[in-house]
């Protein structure tokens, strides 16, 4: 029984590490896409702002 446990624990740790890295990679890729979308919206807002000069294109 202990011999089986010796082989099972490292396998479970490797599987857990793989799952964590896959999840982190997916989250980082999603965050990059969100950052690109926010940047594009900010650039469009900067270009399309009113010609008054001091007016803000956002409400907050």
N, C-alpha and C. Protein backbone atom coordinates (compact mmCIF):
# COMPACT_ATOMS: atom_id res chain seq x y z
N UNK A 1 0.81 -1.22 0.00
CA UNK A 1 0.00 0.00 0.00
C UNK A 1 0.85 1.28 0.00
N UNK A 2 1.86 1.41 0.85
CA UNK A 2 2.66 2.63 0.81
C UNK A 2 3.40 2.79 -0.52
N UNK A 3 3.75 1.69 -1.15
CA UNK A 3 4.46 1.77 -2.43
C UNK A 3 3.55 2.39 -3.50
N UNK A 4 2.29 2.04 -3.47
CA UNK A 4 1.34 2.61 -4.42
C UNK A 4 1.15 4.11 -4.16
N UNK A 5 1.15 4.47 -2.89
CA UNK A 5 1.00 5.88 -2.52
C UNK A 5 2.19 6.70 -3.00
N UNK A 6 3.38 6.12 -2.98
CA UNK A 6 4.59 6.81 -3.43
C UNK A 6 4.49 7.18 -4.91
N UNK A 7 3.85 6.35 -5.71
CA UNK A 7 3.71 6.63 -7.14
C UNK A 7 2.50 7.50 -7.44
N UNK A 8 1.51 7.48 -6.58
CA UNK A 8 0.28 8.22 -6.83
C UNK A 8 0.43 9.71 -6.51
N UNK A 9 1.11 10.04 -5.43
CA UNK A 9 1.22 11.43 -5.00
C UNK A 9 1.94 12.30 -6.05
N UNK A 10 3.09 11.90 -6.59
CA UNK A 10 3.71 12.75 -7.62
C UNK A 10 2.85 12.88 -8.87
N UNK A 11 2.14 11.82 -9.23
CA UNK A 11 1.27 11.90 -10.39
C UNK A 11 0.14 12.90 -10.15
N UNK A 12 -0.45 12.88 -8.98
CA UNK A 12 -1.50 13.84 -8.66
C UNK A 12 -0.96 15.27 -8.62
N UNK A 13 0.25 15.45 -8.11
CA UNK A 13 0.85 16.79 -8.09
C UNK A 13 1.12 17.31 -9.49
N UNK A 14 1.58 16.46 -10.37
CA UNK A 14 1.82 16.86 -11.76
C UNK A 14 0.50 17.21 -12.45
N UNK A 15 -0.52 16.41 -12.22
CA UNK A 15 -1.82 16.70 -12.82
C UNK A 15 -2.41 18.01 -12.28
N UNK A 16 -2.25 18.25 -10.99
CA UNK A 16 -2.73 19.50 -10.40
C UNK A 16 -1.97 20.70 -10.95
N UNK A 17 -0.66 20.58 -11.08
CA UNK A 17 0.15 21.66 -11.65
C UNK A 17 -0.24 21.94 -13.09
N UNK A 18 -0.48 20.89 -13.86
CA UNK A 18 -0.92 21.05 -15.25
C UNK A 18 -2.26 21.77 -15.32
N UNK A 19 -3.17 21.39 -14.46
CA UNK A 19 -4.48 22.03 -14.43
C UNK A 19 -4.37 23.51 -14.06
N UNK A 20 -3.53 23.82 -13.07
CA UNK A 20 -3.35 25.22 -12.66
C UNK A 20 -2.72 26.05 -13.78
N UNK A 21 -1.71 25.50 -14.44
CA UNK A 21 -1.05 26.25 -15.50
C UNK A 21 -1.97 26.45 -16.70
N UNK A 22 -2.78 25.45 -17.02
CA UNK A 22 -3.73 25.60 -18.12
C UNK A 22 -4.76 26.68 -17.78
N UNK A 23 -5.25 26.65 -16.56
CA UNK A 23 -6.22 27.66 -16.14
C UNK A 23 -5.63 29.06 -16.15
N UNK A 24 -4.39 29.19 -15.67
CA UNK A 24 -3.73 30.50 -15.66
C UNK A 24 -3.47 30.98 -17.08
N UNK A 25 -3.07 30.08 -17.95
CA UNK A 25 -2.83 30.47 -19.34
C UNK A 25 -4.09 30.96 -20.03
N UNK A 26 -5.20 30.27 -19.79
CA UNK A 26 -6.47 30.70 -20.38
C UNK A 26 -6.90 32.05 -19.83
N UNK A 27 -6.74 32.24 -18.52
CA UNK A 27 -7.12 33.51 -17.90
C UNK A 27 -6.27 34.65 -18.43
N UNK A 28 -4.97 34.42 -18.58
CA UNK A 28 -4.10 35.48 -19.09
C UNK A 28 -4.43 35.83 -20.54
N UNK A 29 -4.76 34.81 -21.34
CA UNK A 29 -5.13 35.08 -22.73
C UNK A 29 -6.42 35.89 -22.79
N UNK A 30 -7.38 35.54 -21.94
CA UNK A 30 -8.63 36.29 -21.90
C UNK A 30 -8.39 37.73 -21.44
N UNK A 31 -7.52 37.91 -20.46
CA UNK A 31 -7.21 39.27 -19.99
C UNK A 31 -6.52 40.10 -21.06
N UNK A 32 -5.66 39.48 -21.88
CA UNK A 32 -5.03 40.20 -22.98
C UNK A 32 -6.08 40.69 -23.97
N UNK A 33 -7.05 39.82 -24.31
CA UNK A 33 -8.10 40.24 -25.25
C UNK A 33 -8.93 41.37 -24.67
N UNK A 34 -9.25 41.30 -23.38
CA UNK A 34 -10.01 42.39 -22.74
C UNK A 34 -9.20 43.68 -22.76
N UNK A 35 -7.90 43.59 -22.51
CA UNK A 35 -7.05 44.79 -22.53
C UNK A 35 -7.00 45.40 -23.93
N UNK A 36 -6.94 44.58 -24.96
CA UNK A 36 -6.92 45.09 -26.34
C UNK A 36 -8.24 45.78 -26.66
N UNK A 37 -9.36 45.18 -26.27
CA UNK A 37 -10.67 45.78 -26.52
C UNK A 37 -10.81 47.12 -25.81
N UNK A 38 -10.37 47.18 -24.55
CA UNK A 38 -10.44 48.44 -23.80
C UNK A 38 -9.55 49.50 -24.45
N UNK A 39 -8.38 49.12 -24.91
CA UNK A 39 -7.49 50.07 -25.58
C UNK A 39 -8.13 50.62 -26.85
N UNK A 40 -8.75 49.76 -27.63
CA UNK A 40 -9.41 50.22 -28.87
C UNK A 40 -10.55 51.17 -28.54
N UNK A 41 -11.34 50.85 -27.52
CA UNK A 41 -12.45 51.74 -27.14
C UNK A 41 -11.91 53.09 -26.67
N UNK A 42 -10.83 53.08 -25.89
CA UNK A 42 -10.25 54.34 -25.43
C UNK A 42 -9.70 55.17 -26.60
N UNK A 43 -9.05 54.51 -27.56
CA UNK A 43 -8.53 55.24 -28.71
C UNK A 43 -9.66 55.82 -29.56
N UNK A 44 -10.72 55.06 -29.75
CA UNK A 44 -11.87 55.58 -30.50
C UNK A 44 -12.48 56.77 -29.77
N UNK A 45 -12.59 56.67 -28.46
CA UNK A 45 -13.12 57.79 -27.68
C UNK A 45 -12.21 59.00 -27.74
N UNK A 46 -10.91 58.79 -27.78
CA UNK A 46 -9.98 59.91 -27.86
C UNK A 46 -10.09 60.61 -29.21
N UNK A 47 -10.24 59.84 -30.27
CA UNK A 47 -10.32 60.41 -31.62
C UNK A 47 -11.68 61.04 -31.86
N UNK A 48 -12.75 60.44 -31.33
CA UNK A 48 -14.11 60.89 -31.63
C UNK A 48 -14.66 61.85 -30.58
N UNK A 49 -13.81 62.44 -29.76
CA UNK A 49 -14.33 63.35 -28.74
C UNK A 49 -14.79 64.67 -29.38
N UNK A 50 -15.62 65.40 -28.67
CA UNK A 50 -16.10 66.68 -29.21
C UNK A 50 -14.96 67.66 -29.44
N UNK A 51 -15.16 68.57 -30.35
CA UNK A 51 -14.11 69.52 -30.74
C UNK A 51 -13.90 70.65 -29.73
N UNK A 52 -14.69 70.69 -28.66
CA UNK A 52 -14.57 71.75 -27.67
C UNK A 52 -13.22 71.76 -26.97
N UNK A 53 -12.57 70.64 -26.85
CA UNK A 53 -11.24 70.59 -26.26
C UNK A 53 -11.25 70.10 -24.84
N UNK A 54 -12.12 70.66 -23.97
CA UNK A 54 -12.09 70.26 -22.57
C UNK A 54 -13.21 69.27 -22.24
N UNK A 55 -14.05 68.96 -23.18
CA UNK A 55 -15.17 68.04 -22.92
C UNK A 55 -14.66 66.61 -22.80
N UNK A 56 -15.22 65.88 -21.87
CA UNK A 56 -14.86 64.47 -21.71
C UNK A 56 -15.83 63.60 -22.49
N UNK A 57 -15.35 62.51 -23.05
CA UNK A 57 -16.21 61.64 -23.82
C UNK A 57 -16.83 60.54 -22.96
N UNK A 58 -16.45 60.49 -21.68
CA UNK A 58 -17.01 59.50 -20.78
C UNK A 58 -17.73 60.21 -19.66
N UNK A 59 -18.55 59.51 -18.89
CA UNK A 59 -19.41 60.16 -17.92
C UNK A 59 -18.84 60.15 -16.50
N UNK A 60 -17.98 59.22 -16.13
CA UNK A 60 -17.57 59.14 -14.73
C UNK A 60 -16.50 60.13 -14.37
